[in-house]
Amino acid sequence: MARLWTEGFAVGVLLSTVAACGRTPTPGVARGKALFDACVPCHGAQGAGNRALAAPAIAGLPQWYVQAQLENFQAGRRGGAPFDTTGIRMKSMSWALDLPGDVASVAAYVATLPPANPAPALTGDAQAGRTTFEVCAACHGPEGRGNEAVHAPPLAGQGDWYLLAQLHKFRAGWRGADTADLWGQAMRPNALMLDDAAMTNVVAYIQTLR
């Protein structure tokens, strides 16, 4: 009888373990922190970014924005251009968030990290860029803090090299060209109006908003 009880107990433990392994993890910041381990090699443990890997600072970005961009990568609305190697890399990474709630969870965790505010790395005419930024302010706000209502992310505190790279991507059609990316399409015409000097200058002005 004791042997039967022991065997029955062992089977019960095994079944409970299998059930636990198959259970979907609970979404939330704790789950997002665990998932963020996969982001660390490029974005850093504190989400401060790594210019050498073309990985932007993401710490402190609002959850709604991070989640929207991860969903864009997963759906191929970003990272689909053949020469956008960094976008393609990020698109591949986004596919690892394959369980319900994973995207929202990692976005929620990223939003809890203190903003990195990377130091400026480029040189431009901030005064000239101020005039150009008047157009940007309509969506991103006069202080570059962003506006969820129009899906405009915060710009202040982001690395200048990354902002410049994204303007080039919008202008080249590597970003914001997919018809399903409605907010990216809204941004692209603004980038098309800027030449290289204007892009560098407006990014230099954005650095003064930190």
C-alpha atoms as a PDB file:
ATOM      1  CA  MET A   1       0.000   0.000   0.000  1.00  0.00           C
ATOM      2  CA  ALA A   2       2.834   2.386   0.903  1.00  0.00           C
ATOM      3  CA  ARG A   3       4.474   1.692  -2.428  1.00  0.00           C
ATOM      4  CA  LEU A   4       1.274   2.449  -4.296  1.00  0.00           C
ATOM      5  CA  TRP A   5       0.877   5.704  -2.366  1.00  0.00           C
ATOM      6  CA  THR A   6       4.481   6.687  -3.120  1.00  0.00           C
ATOM      7  CA  GLU A   7       4.102   5.921  -6.824  1.00  0.00           C
ATOM      8  CA  GLY A   8       0.812   7.793  -6.930  1.00  0.00           C
ATOM      9  CA  PHE A   9       2.415  10.797  -5.259  1.00  0.00           C
ATOM     10  CA  ALA A  10       5.296  10.762  -7.728  1.00  0.00           C
ATOM     11  CA  VAL A  11       2.922  10.650 -10.684  1.00  0.00           C
ATOM     12  CA  GLY A  12       0.938  13.527  -9.200  1.00  0.00           C
ATOM     13  CA  VAL A  13       4.081  15.640  -8.830  1.00  0.00           C
ATOM     14  CA  LEU A  14       5.102  14.817 -12.407  1.00  0.00           C
ATOM     15  CA  LEU A  15       1.720  15.797 -13.792  1.00  0.00           C
ATOM     16  CA  SER A  16       1.758  19.031 -11.801  1.00  0.00           C
ATOM     17  CA  THR A  17       5.207  19.851 -13.141  1.00  0.00           C
ATOM     18  CA  VAL A  18       4.142  19.206 -16.733  1.00  0.00           C
ATOM     19  CA  ALA A  19       1.067  21.353 -16.242  1.00  0.00           C
ATOM     20  CA  ALA A  20       3.178  24.170 -14.813  1.00  0.00           C
ATOM     21  CA  CYS A  21       5.596  24.000 -17.715  1.00  0.00           C
ATOM     22  CA  GLY A  22       2.755  24.317 -20.179  1.00  0.00           C
ATOM     23  CA  ARG A  23       1.118  27.215 -18.374  1.00  0.00           C
ATOM     24  CA  THR A  24       1.355  30.652 -20.016  1.00  0.00           C
ATOM     25  CA  PRO A  25       3.510  32.979 -17.857  1.00  0.00           C
ATOM     26  CA  THR A  26       1.651  35.770 -16.103  1.00  0.00           C
ATOM     27  CA  PRO A  27       2.043  39.031 -18.090  1.00  0.00           C
ATOM     28  CA  GLY A  28       3.408  42.090 -16.296  1.00  0.00           C
ATOM     29  CA  VAL A  29       6.585  43.933 -15.377  1.00  0.00           C
ATOM     30  CA  ALA A  30       8.170  40.868 -13.736  1.00  0.00           C
ATOM     31  CA  ARG A  31       7.636  38.860 -16.901  1.00  0.00           C
ATOM     32  CA  GLY A  32       8.973  41.787 -18.937  1.00  0.00           C
ATOM     33  CA  LYS A  33      12.128  41.949 -16.833  1.00  0.00           C
ATOM     34  CA  ALA A  34      12.823  38.276 -17.550  1.00  0.00           C
ATOM     35  CA  LEU A  35      12.206  38.768 -21.263  1.00  0.00           C
ATOM     36  CA  PHE A  36      14.474  41.827 -21.305  1.00  0.00           C
ATOM     37  CA  ASP A  37      17.504  39.561 -20.830  1.00  0.00           C
ATOM     38  CA  ALA A  38      17.352  38.966 -24.587  1.00  0.00           C
ATOM     39  CA  CYS A  39      17.517  42.724 -25.209  1.00  0.00           C
ATOM     40  CA  VAL A  40      20.563  43.333 -22.991  1.00  0.00           C
ATOM     41  CA  PRO A  41      23.299  42.293 -25.500  1.00  0.00           C
ATOM     42  CA  CYS A  42      22.354  45.221 -27.756  1.00  0.00           C
ATOM     43  CA  HIS A  43      20.467  47.767 -25.626  1.00  0.00           C
ATOM     44  CA  GLY A  44      22.366  47.193 -22.370  1.00  0.00           C
ATOM     45  CA  ALA A  45      21.212  46.101 -18.941  1.00  0.00           C
ATOM     46  CA  GLN A  46      19.761  49.552 -18.229  1.00  0.00           C
ATOM     47  CA  GLY A  47      18.445  50.122 -21.751  1.00  0.00           C
ATOM     48  CA  ALA A  48      20.987  52.893 -22.383  1.00  0.00           C
ATOM     49  CA  GLY A  49      21.699  51.715 -25.943  1.00  0.00           C
ATOM     50  CA  ASN A  50      24.899  51.033 -27.848  1.00  0.00           C
ATOM     51  CA  ARG A  51      25.843  53.187 -30.811  1.00  0.00           C
ATOM     52  CA  ALA A  52      28.413  50.644 -32.022  1.00  0.00           C
ATOM     53  CA  LEU A  53      25.537  48.187 -32.523  1.00  0.00           C
ATOM     54  CA  ALA A  54      23.105  50.868 -33.732  1.00  0.00           C
ATOM     55  CA  ALA A  55      20.920  50.028 -30.729  1.00  0.00           C
ATOM     56  CA  PRO A  56      19.098  53.096 -29.368  1.00  0.00           C
ATOM     57  CA  ALA A  57      18.486  54.076 -25.783  1.00  0.00           C
ATOM     58  CA  ILE A  58      15.058  52.701 -24.910  1.00  0.00           C
ATOM     59  CA  ALA A  59      15.006  53.161 -21.124  1.00  0.00           C
ATOM     60  CA  GLY A  60      12.038  55.175 -19.970  1.00  0.00           C
ATOM     61  CA  LEU A  61      10.246  55.239 -23.306  1.00  0.00           C
ATOM     62  CA  PRO A  62       6.470  55.070 -22.793  1.00  0.00           C
ATOM     63  CA  GLN A  63       4.943  51.619 -22.828  1.00  0.00           C
ATOM     64  CA  TRP A  64       2.492  52.480 -25.613  1.00  0.00           C
ATOM     65  CA  TYR A  65       5.328  53.465 -27.947  1.00  0.00           C
ATOM     66  CA  VAL A  66       7.606  50.494 -27.255  1.00  0.00           C
ATOM     67  CA  GLN A  67       4.682  48.123 -27.623  1.00  0.00           C
ATOM     68  CA  ALA A  68       3.562  49.696 -30.892  1.00  0.00           C
ATOM     69  CA  GLN A  69       7.044  49.466 -32.408  1.00  0.00           C
ATOM     70  CA  LEU A  70       7.520  45.854 -31.328  1.00  0.00           C
ATOM     71  CA  GLU A  71       4.192  45.050 -32.962  1.00  0.00           C
ATOM     72  CA  ASN A  72       5.333  46.876 -36.106  1.00  0.00           C
ATOM     73  CA  PHE A  73       8.508  44.786 -36.202  1.00  0.00           C
ATOM     74  CA  GLN A  74       6.587  41.553 -35.651  1.00  0.00           C
ATOM     75  CA  ALA A  75       4.146  42.398 -38.448  1.00  0.00           C
ATOM     76  CA  GLY A  76       6.909  43.446 -40.853  1.00  0.00           C
ATOM     77  CA  ARG A  77       5.857  47.086 -40.912  1.00  0.00           C
ATOM     78  CA  ARG A  78       9.393  47.887 -39.739  1.00  0.00           C
ATOM     79  CA  GLY A  79      12.557  46.022 -40.593  1.00  0.00           C
ATOM     80  CA  GLY A  80      11.336  44.930 -44.014  1.00  0.00           C
ATOM     81  CA  ALA A  81      13.631  47.004 -46.240  1.00  0.00           C
ATOM     82  CA  PRO A  82      16.389  44.838 -47.782  1.00  0.00           C
ATOM     83  CA  PHE A  83      19.226  47.169 -46.748  1.00  0.00           C
ATOM     84  CA  ASP A  84      17.901  48.007 -43.277  1.00  0.00           C
ATOM     85  CA  THR A  85      20.202  45.563 -41.517  1.00  0.00           C
ATOM     86  CA  THR A  86      19.556  46.904 -38.018  1.00  0.00           C
ATOM     87  CA  GLY A  87      15.806  46.866 -38.590  1.00  0.00           C
ATOM     88  CA  ILE A  88      15.963  43.308 -39.895  1.00  0.00           C
ATOM     89  CA  ARG A  89      17.907  42.275 -36.804  1.00  0.00           C
ATOM     90  CA  MET A  90      15.324  43.853 -34.533  1.00  0.00           C
ATOM     91  CA  LYS A  91      12.458  42.290 -36.458  1.00  0.00           C
ATOM     92  CA  SER A  92      13.996  38.860 -35.934  1.00  0.00           C
ATOM     93  CA  MET A  93      14.408  39.518 -32.218  1.00  0.00           C
ATOM     94  CA  SER A  94      10.789  40.635 -31.864  1.00  0.00           C
ATOM     95  CA  TRP A  95       9.556  37.230 -33.000  1.00  0.00           C
ATOM     96  CA  ALA A  96      10.904  35.741 -29.760  1.00  0.00           C
ATOM     97  CA  LEU A  97       8.059  37.502 -27.935  1.00  0.00           C
ATOM     98  CA  ASP A  98       5.640  34.823 -29.000  1.00  0.00           C
ATOM     99  CA  LEU A  99       3.436  34.261 -25.951  1.00  0.00           C
ATOM    100  CA  PRO A 100       0.287  36.245 -25.153  1.00  0.00           C
ATOM    101  CA  GLY A 101       1.194  39.366 -23.210  1.00  0.00           C
ATOM    102  CA  ASP A 102       4.950  39.180 -23.902  1.00  0.00           C
ATOM    103  CA  VAL A 103       5.099  42.345 -26.004  1.00  0.00           C
ATOM    104  CA  ALA A 104       3.127  44.374 -23.481  1.00  0.00           C
ATOM    105  CA  SER A 105       5.182  42.945 -20.614  1.00  0.00           C
ATOM    106  CA  VAL A 106       8.593  43.859 -21.983  1.00  0.00           C
ATOM    107  CA  ALA A 107       7.276  47.281 -23.020  1.00  0.00           C
ATOM    108  CA  ALA A 108       6.000  47.831 -19.474  1.00  0.00           C
ATOM    109  CA  TYR A 109       9.398  46.898 -18.027  1.00  0.00           C
ATOM    110  CA  VAL A 110      11.290  49.188 -20.402  1.00  0.00           C
ATOM    111  CA  ALA A 111       9.055  52.067 -19.312  1.00  0.00           C
ATOM    112  CA  THR A 112      10.171  51.574 -15.679  1.00  0.00           C
ATOM    113  CA  LEU A 113      13.871  52.069 -16.463  1.00  0.00           C
ATOM    114  CA  PRO A 114      15.378  55.508 -15.726  1.00  0.00           C
ATOM    115  CA  PRO A 115      15.949  57.495 -18.956  1.00  0.00           C
ATOM    116  CA  ALA A 116      19.520  57.228 -20.213  1.00  0.00           C
ATOM    117  CA  ASN A 117      19.942  60.684 -21.828  1.00  0.00           C
ATOM    118  CA  PRO A 118      23.009  59.762 -23.920  1.00  0.00           C
ATOM    119  CA  ALA A 119      25.518  62.532 -24.567  1.00  0.00           C
ATOM    120  CA  PRO A 120      25.436  64.258 -27.984  1.00  0.00           C
ATOM    121  CA  ALA A 121      27.738  62.640 -30.528  1.00  0.00           C
ATOM    122  CA  LEU A 122      27.117  64.853 -33.584  1.00  0.00           C
ATOM    123  CA  THR A 123      27.684  68.496 -34.458  1.00  0.00           C
ATOM    124  CA  GLY A 124      24.994  70.686 -35.984  1.00  0.00           C
ATOM    125  CA  ASP A 125      23.545  74.187 -35.946  1.00  0.00           C
ATOM    126  CA  ALA A 126      21.001  74.051 -33.137  1.00  0.00           C
ATOM    127  CA  GLN A 127      19.774  77.572 -33.822  1.00  0.00           C
ATOM    128  CA  ALA A 128      18.939  76.685 -37.423  1.00  0.00           C
ATOM    129  CA  GLY A 129      17.376  73.452 -36.229  1.00  0.00           C
ATOM    130  CA  ARG A 130      15.083  75.357 -33.898  1.00  0.00           C
ATOM    131  CA  THR A 131      13.173  76.789 -36.835  1.00  0.00           C
ATOM    132  CA  THR A 132      12.787  73.354 -38.411  1.00  0.00           C
ATOM    133  CA  PHE A 133      11.591  71.907 -35.111  1.00  0.00           C
ATOM    134  CA  GLU A 134       8.541  74.184 -35.159  1.00  0.00           C
ATOM    135  CA  VAL A 135       6.990  71.681 -37.569  1.00  0.00           C
ATOM    136  CA  CYS A 136       7.979  68.753 -35.339  1.00  0.00           C
ATOM    137  CA  ALA A 137       6.515  70.437 -32.258  1.00  0.00           C
ATOM    138  CA  ALA A 138       2.995  70.083 -33.645  1.00  0.00           C
ATOM    139  CA  CYS A 139       3.135  66.357 -32.865  1.00  0.00           C
ATOM    140  CA  HIS A 140       6.111  65.820 -30.579  1.00  0.00           C
ATOM    141  CA  GLY A 141       5.439  68.873 -28.416  1.00  0.00           C
ATOM    142  CA  PRO A 142       7.493  72.063 -27.955  1.00  0.00           C
ATOM    143  CA  GLU A 143       9.736  70.288 -25.440  1.00  0.00           C
ATOM    144  CA  GLY A 144       9.964  67.073 -27.452  1.00  0.00           C
ATOM    145  CA  ARG A 145       8.152  64.995 -24.833  1.00  0.00           C
ATOM    146  CA  GLY A 146       5.871  63.235 -27.307  1.00  0.00           C
ATOM    147  CA  ASN A 147       2.106  62.873 -27.605  1.00  0.00           C
ATOM    148  CA  GLU A 148       0.351  59.523 -27.327  1.00  0.00           C
ATOM    149  CA  ALA A 149      -2.812  60.898 -28.970  1.00  0.00           C
ATOM    150  CA  VAL A 150      -0.978  61.222 -32.296  1.00  0.00           C
ATOM    151  CA  HIS A 151       1.470  58.359 -31.626  1.00  0.00           C
ATOM    152  CA  ALA A 152       4.425  60.767 -31.554  1.00  0.00           C
ATOM    153  CA  PRO A 153       7.218  59.448 -29.321  1.00  0.00           C
ATOM    154  CA  PRO A 154       9.383  61.578 -27.035  1.00  0.00           C
ATOM    155  CA  LEU A 155      12.490  62.877 -28.777  1.00  0.00           C
ATOM    156  CA  ALA A 156      14.205  64.725 -25.952  1.00  0.00           C
ATOM    157  CA  GLY A 157      16.803  62.532 -24.298  1.00  0.00           C
ATOM    158  CA  GLN A 158      17.295  60.231 -27.285  1.00  0.00           C
ATOM    159  CA  GLY A 159      20.719  59.817 -28.893  1.00  0.00           C
ATOM    160  CA  ASP A 160      21.278  62.283 -31.743  1.00  0.00           C
ATOM    161  CA  TRP A 161      22.871  59.643 -33.962  1.00  0.00           C
ATOM    162  CA  TYR A 162      19.764  57.473 -33.650  1.00  0.00           C
ATOM    163  CA  LEU A 163      17.359  60.330 -34.403  1.00  0.00           C
ATOM    164  CA  LEU A 164      19.395  61.203 -37.480  1.00  0.00           C
ATOM    165  CA  ALA A 165      19.428  57.573 -38.620  1.00  0.00           C
ATOM    166  CA  GLN A 166      15.646  57.356 -38.316  1.00  0.00           C
ATOM    167  CA  LEU A 167      15.117  60.551 -40.316  1.00  0.00           C
ATOM    168  CA  HIS A 168      17.271  59.044 -43.070  1.00  0.00           C
ATOM    169  CA  LYS A 169      15.241  55.826 -42.924  1.00  0.00           C
ATOM    170  CA  PHE A 170      11.962  57.702 -43.209  1.00  0.00           C
ATOM    171  CA  ARG A 171      13.285  59.682 -46.175  1.00  0.00           C
ATOM    172  CA  ALA A 172      14.640  56.567 -47.896  1.00  0.00           C
ATOM    173  CA  GLY A 173      11.384  54.654 -47.404  1.00  0.00           C
ATOM    174  CA  TRP A 174      12.942  52.108 -45.081  1.00  0.00           C
ATOM    175  CA  ARG A 175      10.485  53.238 -42.447  1.00  0.00           C
ATOM    176  CA  GLY A 176       6.993  54.674 -42.794  1.00  0.00           C
ATOM    177  CA  ALA A 177       6.413  53.350 -46.303  1.00  0.00           C
ATOM    178  CA  ASP A 178       4.195  50.395 -45.371  1.00  0.00           C
ATOM    179  CA  THR A 179       0.560  51.364 -45.866  1.00  0.00           C
ATOM    180  CA  ALA A 180      -0.359  49.538 -42.649  1.00  0.00           C
ATOM    181  CA  ASP A 181       2.025  51.753 -40.663  1.00  0.00           C
ATOM    182  CA  LEU A 182      -0.353  54.702 -40.428  1.00  0.00           C
ATOM    183  CA  TRP A 183       1.667  56.760 -37.965  1.00  0.00           C
ATOM    184  CA  GLY A 184       4.919  56.030 -39.758  1.00  0.00           C
ATOM    185  CA  GLN A 185       3.306  57.247 -42.958  1.00  0.00           C
ATOM    186  CA  ALA A 186       2.326  60.449 -41.165  1.00  0.00           C
ATOM    187  CA  MET A 187       5.961  61.022 -40.222  1.00  0.00           C
ATOM    188  CA  ARG A 188       7.568  60.257 -43.575  1.00  0.00           C
ATOM    189  CA  PRO A 189       6.450  63.415 -45.480  1.00  0.00           C
ATOM    190  CA  ASN A 190       8.149  65.548 -42.832  1.00  0.00           C
ATOM    191  CA  ALA A 191      11.430  63.731 -43.354  1.00  0.00           C
ATOM    192  CA  LEU A 192      11.119  64.089 -47.122  1.00  0.00           C
ATOM    193  CA  MET A 193      11.178  67.873 -46.724  1.00  0.00           C
ATOM    194  CA  LEU A 194      14.609  67.841 -45.048  1.00  0.00           C
ATOM    195  CA  ASP A 195      18.025  67.689 -46.660  1.00  0.00           C
ATOM    196  CA  ASP A 196      21.028  66.260 -44.819  1.00  0.00           C
ATOM    197  CA  ALA A 197      22.011  69.589 -43.242  1.00  0.00           C
ATOM    198  CA  ALA A 198      18.478  70.299 -42.022  1.00  0.00           C
ATOM    199  CA  MET A 199      18.283  66.836 -40.467  1.00  0.00           C
ATOM    200  CA  THR A 200      21.558  67.308 -38.609  1.00  0.00           C
ATOM    201  CA  ASN A 201      20.531  70.753 -37.409  1.00  0.00           C
ATOM    202  CA  VAL A 202      17.109  69.762 -36.103  1.00  0.00           C
ATOM    203  CA  VAL A 203      18.661  66.822 -34.261  1.00  0.00           C
ATOM    204  CA  ALA A 204      21.192  69.244 -32.733  1.00  0.00           C
ATOM    205  CA  TYR A 205      18.323  71.400 -31.512  1.00  0.00           C
ATOM    206  CA  ILE A 206      16.537  68.414 -30.000  1.00  0.00           C
ATOM    207  CA  GLN A 207      19.655  67.780 -27.907  1.00  0.00           C
ATOM    208  CA  THR A 208      19.124  71.163 -26.236  1.00  0.00           C
ATOM    209  CA  LEU A 209      15.720  70.022 -24.957  1.00  0.00           C
ATOM    210  CA  ARG A 210      17.178  67.546 -22.498  1.00  0.00           C
END
